[in-house]
C-alpha cells in the first residue's frame, strides 16, 4: 500500500529577506569569531545564533527543527564542524603569542 509522506517545507517570515537575515547573521558572527581570534566556544556560538534567529522567524517551528536535524545528519556537517575546529585551533595559539609590554624596571 502506498505510503504518503508529507514533507513540511521550511518557510521563514519575510520570504527572501527572512532568509537573507539568517545568512547575514551567520556571516557576521563567523567573521566576528574569526577576527577576534575566538576559541572553539566562539565558533559554537557563531553557528548557534543563526539557528536561533531562524527558529524565531520561522513560520513553522517543527519544520525548522526537522530541517536543522536533517542538516546535522548530512556528511557535509562533519566537514564544516572539522573546519571550524581546525580554524579555532589555528587561531587560538596565535592569540596567545601576542607579547605583553615589558615589565617595569626596578630601580
N, C-alpha and C. Protein backbone atom coordinates (compact mmCIF):
# COMPACT_ATOMS: atom_id res chain seq x y z
N UNK A 1 0.83 -1.16 0.00
CA UNK A 1 0.00 0.00 0.00
C UNK A 1 0.89 1.24 0.00
N UNK A 2 0.51 2.20 -0.81
CA UNK A 2 1.30 3.42 -0.95
C UNK A 2 1.31 4.24 0.33
N UNK A 3 2.50 4.51 0.76
CA UNK A 3 2.65 5.31 1.96
C UNK A 3 2.86 6.76 1.55
N UNK A 4 1.99 7.63 2.00
CA UNK A 4 2.13 9.04 1.66
C UNK A 4 2.95 9.72 2.73
N UNK A 5 3.97 10.37 2.27
CA UNK A 5 4.81 11.09 3.21
C UNK A 5 4.75 12.57 2.84
N UNK A 6 4.29 13.34 3.77
CA UNK A 6 4.15 14.78 3.52
C UNK A 6 5.32 15.49 4.19
N UNK A 7 6.23 16.02 3.38
CA UNK A 7 7.35 16.78 3.94
C UNK A 7 6.93 18.22 4.11
N UNK A 8 7.28 18.75 5.26
CA UNK A 8 6.99 20.15 5.52
C UNK A 8 8.07 21.00 4.86
N UNK A 9 7.64 22.05 4.25
CA UNK A 9 8.59 22.96 3.62
C UNK A 9 8.91 24.07 4.62
N UNK A 10 10.17 24.33 4.80
CA UNK A 10 10.60 25.37 5.72
C UNK A 10 10.36 26.74 5.10
N UNK A 11 9.55 27.54 5.75
CA UNK A 11 9.27 28.89 5.28
C UNK A 11 9.58 29.86 6.41
N UNK A 12 10.23 30.95 6.04
CA UNK A 12 10.57 31.98 7.02
C UNK A 12 9.70 33.21 6.78
N UNK A 13 9.42 33.91 7.86
CA UNK A 13 8.68 35.18 7.72
C UNK A 13 9.57 36.16 6.96
N UNK A 14 8.99 36.89 6.09
CA UNK A 14 9.76 37.86 5.31
C UNK A 14 10.24 37.32 3.98
N UNK A 15 10.00 36.04 3.70
CA UNK A 15 10.39 35.46 2.42
C UNK A 15 11.88 35.55 2.17
N UNK A 16 12.24 36.19 1.07
CA UNK A 16 13.65 36.33 0.69
C UNK A 16 14.44 37.06 1.77
N UNK A 17 13.86 38.10 2.34
CA UNK A 17 14.57 38.89 3.34
C UNK A 17 14.76 38.12 4.64
N UNK A 18 13.83 37.24 4.98
CA UNK A 18 14.00 36.40 6.16
C UNK A 18 15.19 35.47 6.01
N UNK A 19 15.32 34.89 4.82
CA UNK A 19 16.46 34.03 4.54
C UNK A 19 17.75 34.83 4.55
N UNK A 20 17.70 36.03 3.99
CA UNK A 20 18.88 36.89 3.95
C UNK A 20 19.33 37.29 5.34
N UNK A 21 18.37 37.56 6.23
CA UNK A 21 18.71 37.92 7.61
C UNK A 21 19.46 36.78 8.30
N UNK A 22 19.00 35.55 8.11
CA UNK A 22 19.67 34.41 8.72
C UNK A 22 21.08 34.25 8.15
N UNK A 23 21.23 34.39 6.85
CA UNK A 23 22.53 34.26 6.21
C UNK A 23 23.49 35.36 6.67
N UNK A 24 23.01 36.59 6.72
CA UNK A 24 23.86 37.70 7.17
C UNK A 24 24.24 37.57 8.63
N UNK A 25 23.32 37.04 9.45
CA UNK A 25 23.63 36.79 10.86
C UNK A 25 24.75 35.77 10.97
N UNK A 26 24.65 34.70 10.19
CA UNK A 26 25.69 33.67 10.21
C UNK A 26 27.04 34.25 9.80
N UNK A 27 27.06 35.00 8.70
CA UNK A 27 28.31 35.57 8.24
C UNK A 27 28.89 36.57 9.24
N UNK A 28 28.04 37.40 9.83
CA UNK A 28 28.52 38.39 10.79
C UNK A 28 29.17 37.73 12.00
N UNK A 29 28.52 36.71 12.55
CA UNK A 29 29.08 36.07 13.73
C UNK A 29 30.30 35.22 13.41
N UNK A 30 30.36 34.64 12.21
CA UNK A 30 31.57 33.90 11.83
C UNK A 30 32.76 34.84 11.64
N UNK A 31 32.53 35.98 11.00
CA UNK A 31 33.60 36.96 10.86
C UNK A 31 34.01 37.52 12.22
N UNK A 32 33.04 37.76 13.08
CA UNK A 32 33.34 38.27 14.42
C UNK A 32 34.21 37.27 15.18
N UNK A 33 33.86 36.00 15.11
CA UNK A 33 34.65 34.97 15.79
C UNK A 33 36.05 34.87 15.17
N UNK A 34 36.14 34.98 13.86
CA UNK A 34 37.44 34.86 13.19
C UNK A 34 38.34 36.05 13.48
N UNK A 35 37.80 37.26 13.40
CA UNK A 35 38.63 38.44 13.58
C UNK A 35 39.01 38.69 15.03
N UNK A 36 38.25 38.14 15.95
CA UNK A 36 38.59 38.26 17.37
C UNK A 36 39.39 37.06 17.85
N UNK A 37 39.82 36.21 16.91
CA UNK A 37 40.63 35.04 17.21
C UNK A 37 40.00 34.23 18.34
N UNK A 38 38.75 33.93 18.15
CA UNK A 38 37.98 33.22 19.16
C UNK A 38 38.43 31.76 19.25
N UNK A 39 38.19 31.18 20.42
CA UNK A 39 38.43 29.75 20.56
C UNK A 39 37.18 29.00 20.09
N UNK A 40 37.12 27.71 20.33
CA UNK A 40 36.02 26.90 19.81
C UNK A 40 34.67 27.36 20.34
N UNK A 41 34.63 27.87 21.56
CA UNK A 41 33.36 28.35 22.12
C UNK A 41 32.76 29.47 21.27
N UNK A 42 33.59 30.35 20.77
CA UNK A 42 33.12 31.44 19.93
C UNK A 42 32.51 30.93 18.63
N UNK A 43 33.10 29.89 18.07
CA UNK A 43 32.56 29.33 16.83
C UNK A 43 31.27 28.57 17.08
N UNK A 44 31.14 27.93 18.24
CA UNK A 44 29.88 27.26 18.57
C UNK A 44 28.76 28.29 18.65
N UNK A 45 29.04 29.41 19.30
CA UNK A 45 28.04 30.48 19.39
C UNK A 45 27.75 31.04 18.00
N UNK A 46 28.79 31.19 17.18
CA UNK A 46 28.60 31.72 15.83
C UNK A 46 27.73 30.80 14.97
N UNK A 47 27.76 29.51 15.23
CA UNK A 47 26.90 28.58 14.49
C UNK A 47 25.52 28.46 15.12
N UNK A 48 25.43 28.70 16.42
CA UNK A 48 24.16 28.52 17.13
C UNK A 48 23.21 29.72 16.94
N UNK A 49 23.73 30.92 16.95
CA UNK A 49 22.89 32.11 16.86
C UNK A 49 22.05 32.16 15.58
N UNK A 50 22.62 31.86 14.39
CA UNK A 50 21.76 31.85 13.19
C UNK A 50 20.65 30.80 13.27
N UNK A 51 20.91 29.67 13.93
CA UNK A 51 19.85 28.67 14.10
C UNK A 51 18.72 29.22 14.96
N UNK A 52 19.09 29.96 16.00
CA UNK A 52 18.07 30.56 16.87
C UNK A 52 17.31 31.67 16.14
N UNK A 53 18.00 32.46 15.34
CA UNK A 53 17.34 33.51 14.57
C UNK A 53 16.37 32.87 13.58
N UNK A 54 16.81 31.80 12.93
CA UNK A 54 15.93 31.08 12.01
C UNK A 54 14.71 30.51 12.71
N UNK A 55 14.89 30.02 13.92
CA UNK A 55 13.75 29.49 14.68
C UNK A 55 12.77 30.60 15.04
N UNK A 56 13.29 31.78 15.33
CA UNK A 56 12.42 32.90 15.70
C UNK A 56 11.59 33.40 14.53
N UNK A 57 12.17 33.40 13.33
CA UNK A 57 11.42 33.93 12.19
C UNK A 57 10.80 32.85 11.33
N UNK A 58 10.87 31.61 11.78
CA UNK A 58 10.27 30.51 11.05
C UNK A 58 8.75 30.53 11.20
N UNK A 59 8.05 30.21 10.13
CA UNK A 59 6.59 30.14 10.21
C UNK A 59 6.14 28.88 10.93
N UNK A 60 6.90 27.81 10.80
CA UNK A 60 6.55 26.53 11.43
C UNK A 60 7.78 26.02 12.18
N UNK A 61 7.72 26.07 13.51
CA UNK A 61 8.87 25.70 14.32
C UNK A 61 9.24 24.23 14.15
N UNK A 62 8.24 23.38 13.97
CA UNK A 62 8.51 21.95 13.79
C UNK A 62 9.26 21.70 12.49
N UNK A 63 8.87 22.38 11.43
CA UNK A 63 9.57 22.24 10.15
C UNK A 63 11.00 22.74 10.27
N UNK A 64 11.20 23.81 11.04
CA UNK A 64 12.55 24.33 11.26
C UNK A 64 13.39 23.30 12.00
N UNK A 65 12.83 22.70 13.04
CA UNK A 65 13.55 21.69 13.79
C UNK A 65 13.92 20.48 12.93
N UNK A 66 12.98 20.06 12.10
CA UNK A 66 13.26 18.94 11.20
C UNK A 66 14.35 19.29 10.19
N UNK A 67 14.35 20.52 9.71
CA UNK A 67 15.39 20.95 8.76
C UNK A 67 16.76 21.00 9.43
N UNK A 68 16.80 21.46 10.68
CA UNK A 68 18.06 21.51 11.41
C UNK A 68 18.61 20.10 11.62
N UNK A 69 17.76 19.18 12.06
CA UNK A 69 18.19 17.80 12.29
C UNK A 69 18.63 17.15 10.99
N UNK A 70 17.90 17.40 9.91
CA UNK A 70 18.28 16.85 8.60
C UNK A 70 19.64 17.40 8.17
N UNK A 71 19.89 18.67 8.45
CA UNK A 71 21.18 19.26 8.11
C UNK A 71 22.32 18.69 8.93
N UNK A 72 22.06 18.42 10.21
CA UNK A 72 23.09 17.84 11.06
C UNK A 72 23.42 16.40 10.67
N UNK A 73 22.46 15.73 10.04
CA UNK A 73 22.67 14.34 9.65
C UNK A 73 23.46 14.20 8.35
N UNK A 74 23.64 15.28 7.62
CA UNK A 74 24.35 15.22 6.34
C UNK A 74 25.86 15.15 6.58
N UNK A 75 26.57 14.43 5.71
CA UNK A 75 28.03 14.31 5.88
C UNK A 75 28.76 15.66 5.81
N UNK A 76 28.21 16.61 5.09
CA UNK A 76 28.87 17.92 4.96
C UNK A 76 28.98 18.62 6.31
N UNK A 77 28.06 18.34 7.24
CA UNK A 77 28.13 18.96 8.55
C UNK A 77 29.42 18.57 9.27
N UNK A 78 29.81 17.32 9.14
CA UNK A 78 31.07 16.88 9.76
C UNK A 78 32.27 17.62 9.21
N UNK A 79 32.26 17.88 7.91
CA UNK A 79 33.36 18.61 7.29
C UNK A 79 33.38 20.05 7.79
N UNK A 80 32.21 20.66 7.89
CA UNK A 80 32.14 22.05 8.37
C UNK A 80 32.56 22.13 9.83
N UNK A 81 32.12 21.17 10.65
CA UNK A 81 32.50 21.16 12.06
C UNK A 81 34.00 20.96 12.22
N UNK A 82 34.59 20.10 11.42
CA UNK A 82 36.03 19.88 11.47
C UNK A 82 36.77 21.14 11.03
N UNK A 83 36.28 21.81 9.99
CA UNK A 83 36.91 23.06 9.54
C UNK A 83 36.85 24.13 10.63
N UNK A 84 35.72 24.23 11.31
CA UNK A 84 35.59 25.21 12.40
C UNK A 84 36.53 24.86 13.55
N UNK A 85 36.64 23.59 13.88
CA UNK A 85 37.54 23.18 14.96
C UNK A 85 38.99 23.46 14.61
N UNK A 86 39.39 23.16 13.38
CA UNK A 86 40.76 23.43 12.97
C UNK A 86 41.05 24.93 12.91
N UNK A 87 40.07 25.70 12.47
CA UNK A 87 40.23 27.15 12.46
C UNK A 87 40.42 27.69 13.86
N UNK A 88 39.64 27.18 14.80
CA UNK A 88 39.77 27.63 16.19
C UNK A 88 41.13 27.21 16.75
N UNK A 89 41.60 26.02 16.41
CA UNK A 89 42.91 25.58 16.90
C UNK A 89 44.03 26.42 16.35
N UNK A 90 43.91 26.83 15.10
CA UNK A 90 44.95 27.66 14.49
C UNK A 90 44.89 29.09 15.04
N UNK A 91 43.70 29.61 15.24
CA UNK A 91 43.55 31.00 15.70
C UNK A 91 43.90 31.16 17.17
N UNK A 92 43.61 30.17 17.99
CA UNK A 92 43.81 30.31 19.44
C UNK A 92 45.28 30.45 19.82
N UNK A 93 46.19 29.59 19.33
CA UNK A 93 47.59 29.77 19.72
C UNK A 93 48.17 31.10 19.26
N UNK A 94 47.72 31.64 18.13
CA UNK A 94 48.26 32.92 17.70
C UNK A 94 47.81 34.04 18.62
N UNK A 95 46.64 33.88 19.25
CA UNK A 95 46.21 34.92 20.19
C UNK A 95 47.03 34.86 21.47
N UNK A 96 47.65 33.71 21.77
CA UNK A 96 48.50 33.60 22.95
C UNK A 96 49.90 34.15 22.69
N UNK A 97 50.27 34.28 21.43
CA UNK A 97 51.63 34.71 21.10
C UNK A 97 51.79 36.23 21.15
N UNK A 98 50.73 36.95 21.40
CA UNK A 98 50.84 38.41 21.49
C UNK A 98 51.64 38.73 22.75
N UNK A 99 52.72 39.48 22.57
CA UNK A 99 53.58 39.75 23.70
C UNK A 99 53.04 40.89 24.53
N UNK A 100 53.18 40.72 25.82
CA UNK A 100 52.76 41.80 26.73
C UNK A 100 53.88 42.81 26.82
N UNK A 101 53.54 44.01 27.26
CA UNK A 101 54.59 45.05 27.36
C UNK A 101 55.64 44.61 28.39
N UNK A 102 56.84 45.16 28.25
CA UNK A 102 57.92 44.84 29.18
C UNK A 102 57.53 45.23 30.59
N UNK A 103 57.93 44.41 31.56
CA UNK A 103 57.62 44.77 32.94
C UNK A 103 58.41 46.03 33.35
N UNK A 104 57.89 46.77 34.29
CA UNK A 104 58.60 47.99 34.70
C UNK A 104 59.98 47.65 35.28
N UNK A 105 60.91 48.50 35.00
CA UNK A 105 62.28 48.30 35.50
C UNK A 105 62.34 48.59 36.98
N UNK A 106 63.13 47.80 37.69
CA UNK A 106 63.32 48.00 39.15
C UNK A 106 64.54 48.89 39.34
N UNK A 107 64.37 49.97 40.07
CA UNK A 107 65.47 50.93 40.27
C UNK A 107 66.19 50.66 41.53
